[in-house]
């Protein structure tokens, strides 16, 4: 019976210039997570349970969206603007 060797990321025949370091990919996922959480803040502010935090949630949501989008833009810039 033949055993299949599962190729790792390093074994793939990809040009070195197109590899994305794990730290950069992590930046993408952190940015996406922050953006999603920030988009949910105004929805959470509508809940009666969080009535005391409503203003804070509204005020925090926009800057968090900017931070998340900046992280995603940074990933895309480094990914597609290789020298």
C-alpha atoms as a PDB file:
ATOM      1  CA  UNK A   1       0.000   0.000   0.000  1.00  0.00           C
ATOM      2  CA  UNK A   2       1.354   3.423  -0.963  1.00  0.00           C
ATOM      3  CA  UNK A   3       1.573   6.150   1.581  1.00  0.00           C
ATOM      4  CA  UNK A   4       0.841   9.636   0.409  1.00  0.00           C
ATOM      5  CA  UNK A   5       3.250  12.366   1.382  1.00  0.00           C
ATOM      6  CA  UNK A   6       1.407  15.548   2.191  1.00  0.00           C
ATOM      7  CA  UNK A   7       3.337  18.498   0.826  1.00  0.00           C
ATOM      8  CA  UNK A   8       4.072  21.298   3.205  1.00  0.00           C
ATOM      9  CA  UNK A   9       4.021  24.972   2.275  1.00  0.00           C
ATOM     10  CA  UNK A  10       7.771  24.921   1.739  1.00  0.00           C
ATOM     11  CA  UNK A  11       7.563  21.947  -0.667  1.00  0.00           C
ATOM     12  CA  UNK A  12       5.214  23.667  -3.088  1.00  0.00           C
ATOM     13  CA  UNK A  13       6.755  24.839  -6.368  1.00  0.00           C
ATOM     14  CA  UNK A  14       5.979  28.502  -5.819  1.00  0.00           C
ATOM     15  CA  UNK A  15       8.279  31.343  -6.677  1.00  0.00           C
ATOM     16  CA  UNK A  16       9.879  32.817  -3.552  1.00  0.00           C
ATOM     17  CA  UNK A  17       8.517  36.285  -4.331  1.00  0.00           C
ATOM     18  CA  UNK A  18       4.922  35.141  -3.972  1.00  0.00           C
ATOM     19  CA  UNK A  19       5.198  33.508  -0.579  1.00  0.00           C
ATOM     20  CA  UNK A  20       3.503  35.367   2.216  1.00  0.00           C
ATOM     21  CA  UNK A  21       5.168  35.111   5.624  1.00  0.00           C
ATOM     22  CA  UNK A  22       2.934  33.788   8.432  1.00  0.00           C
ATOM     23  CA  UNK A  23       3.267  37.068  10.322  1.00  0.00           C
ATOM     24  CA  UNK A  24       1.799  38.944   7.365  1.00  0.00           C
ATOM     25  CA  UNK A  25      -1.099  36.499   7.067  1.00  0.00           C
ATOM     26  CA  UNK A  26      -1.728  36.890  10.772  1.00  0.00           C
ATOM     27  CA  UNK A  27      -1.963  40.657  10.201  1.00  0.00           C
ATOM     28  CA  UNK A  28      -4.685  39.999   7.619  1.00  0.00           C
ATOM     29  CA  UNK A  29      -6.744  37.844   9.986  1.00  0.00           C
ATOM     30  CA  UNK A  30      -6.306  40.202  12.928  1.00  0.00           C
ATOM     31  CA  UNK A  31      -7.377  43.128  10.730  1.00  0.00           C
ATOM     32  CA  UNK A  32     -10.433  41.256   9.503  1.00  0.00           C
ATOM     33  CA  UNK A  33     -11.363  40.250  13.056  1.00  0.00           C
ATOM     34  CA  UNK A  34     -11.006  43.798  14.374  1.00  0.00           C
ATOM     35  CA  UNK A  35     -13.110  45.149  11.498  1.00  0.00           C
ATOM     36  CA  UNK A  36     -15.889  42.624  12.132  1.00  0.00           C
ATOM     37  CA  UNK A  37     -15.896  43.282  15.875  1.00  0.00           C
ATOM     38  CA  UNK A  38     -15.960  47.034  15.244  1.00  0.00           C
ATOM     39  CA  UNK A  39     -18.882  46.631  12.848  1.00  0.00           C
ATOM     40  CA  UNK A  40     -20.789  44.743  15.542  1.00  0.00           C
ATOM     41  CA  UNK A  41     -20.249  47.437  18.203  1.00  0.00           C
ATOM     42  CA  UNK A  42     -23.183  49.633  17.061  1.00  0.00           C
ATOM     43  CA  UNK A  43     -25.421  46.574  17.017  1.00  0.00           C
ATOM     44  CA  UNK A  44     -24.365  45.686  20.535  1.00  0.00           C
ATOM     45  CA  UNK A  45     -25.037  49.269  21.595  1.00  0.00           C
ATOM     46  CA  UNK A  46     -28.704  48.739  20.750  1.00  0.00           C
ATOM     47  CA  UNK A  47     -29.093  45.960  23.322  1.00  0.00           C
ATOM     48  CA  UNK A  48     -30.862  47.049  26.510  1.00  0.00           C
ATOM     49  CA  UNK A  49     -28.355  45.052  28.591  1.00  0.00           C
ATOM     50  CA  UNK A  50     -25.492  47.233  27.347  1.00  0.00           C
ATOM     51  CA  UNK A  51     -27.362  50.504  27.723  1.00  0.00           C
ATOM     52  CA  UNK A  52     -24.652  51.975  29.983  1.00  0.00           C
ATOM     53  CA  UNK A  53     -21.963  51.272  27.356  1.00  0.00           C
ATOM     54  CA  UNK A  54     -23.946  52.382  24.299  1.00  0.00           C
ATOM     55  CA  UNK A  55     -22.130  55.672  23.750  1.00  0.00           C
ATOM     56  CA  UNK A  56     -18.729  54.075  24.274  1.00  0.00           C
ATOM     57  CA  UNK A  57     -19.500  51.293  21.806  1.00  0.00           C
ATOM     58  CA  UNK A  58     -20.587  53.818  19.193  1.00  0.00           C
ATOM     59  CA  UNK A  59     -17.501  55.985  19.691  1.00  0.00           C
ATOM     60  CA  UNK A  60     -15.096  53.037  19.610  1.00  0.00           C
ATOM     61  CA  UNK A  61     -16.552  51.427  16.508  1.00  0.00           C
ATOM     62  CA  UNK A  62     -15.264  53.847  13.849  1.00  0.00           C
ATOM     63  CA  UNK A  63     -11.621  54.032  15.020  1.00  0.00           C
ATOM     64  CA  UNK A  64     -11.557  50.238  15.330  1.00  0.00           C
ATOM     65  CA  UNK A  65     -12.853  49.921  11.774  1.00  0.00           C
ATOM     66  CA  UNK A  66     -10.045  52.201  10.604  1.00  0.00           C
ATOM     67  CA  UNK A  67      -7.440  50.120  12.449  1.00  0.00           C
ATOM     68  CA  UNK A  68      -8.767  46.869  10.994  1.00  0.00           C
ATOM     69  CA  UNK A  69      -8.888  48.211   7.457  1.00  0.00           C
ATOM     70  CA  UNK A  70      -5.376  49.670   7.851  1.00  0.00           C
ATOM     71  CA  UNK A  71      -4.050  46.228   8.838  1.00  0.00           C
ATOM     72  CA  UNK A  72      -5.748  44.643   5.832  1.00  0.00           C
ATOM     73  CA  UNK A  73      -4.414  47.369   3.537  1.00  0.00           C
ATOM     74  CA  UNK A  74      -0.929  46.855   4.954  1.00  0.00           C
ATOM     75  CA  UNK A  75      -1.156  43.135   4.186  1.00  0.00           C
ATOM     76  CA  UNK A  76      -2.362  43.796   0.639  1.00  0.00           C
ATOM     77  CA  UNK A  77       0.339  46.401   0.067  1.00  0.00           C
ATOM     78  CA  UNK A  78       3.116  44.036   1.135  1.00  0.00           C
ATOM     79  CA  UNK A  79       1.552  41.102  -0.711  1.00  0.00           C
ATOM     80  CA  UNK A  80       1.120  42.718  -4.123  1.00  0.00           C
ATOM     81  CA  UNK A  81       3.834  45.416  -4.242  1.00  0.00           C
ATOM     82  CA  UNK A  82       6.903  43.208  -4.262  1.00  0.00           C
ATOM     83  CA  UNK A  83       9.980  44.736  -5.925  1.00  0.00           C
END
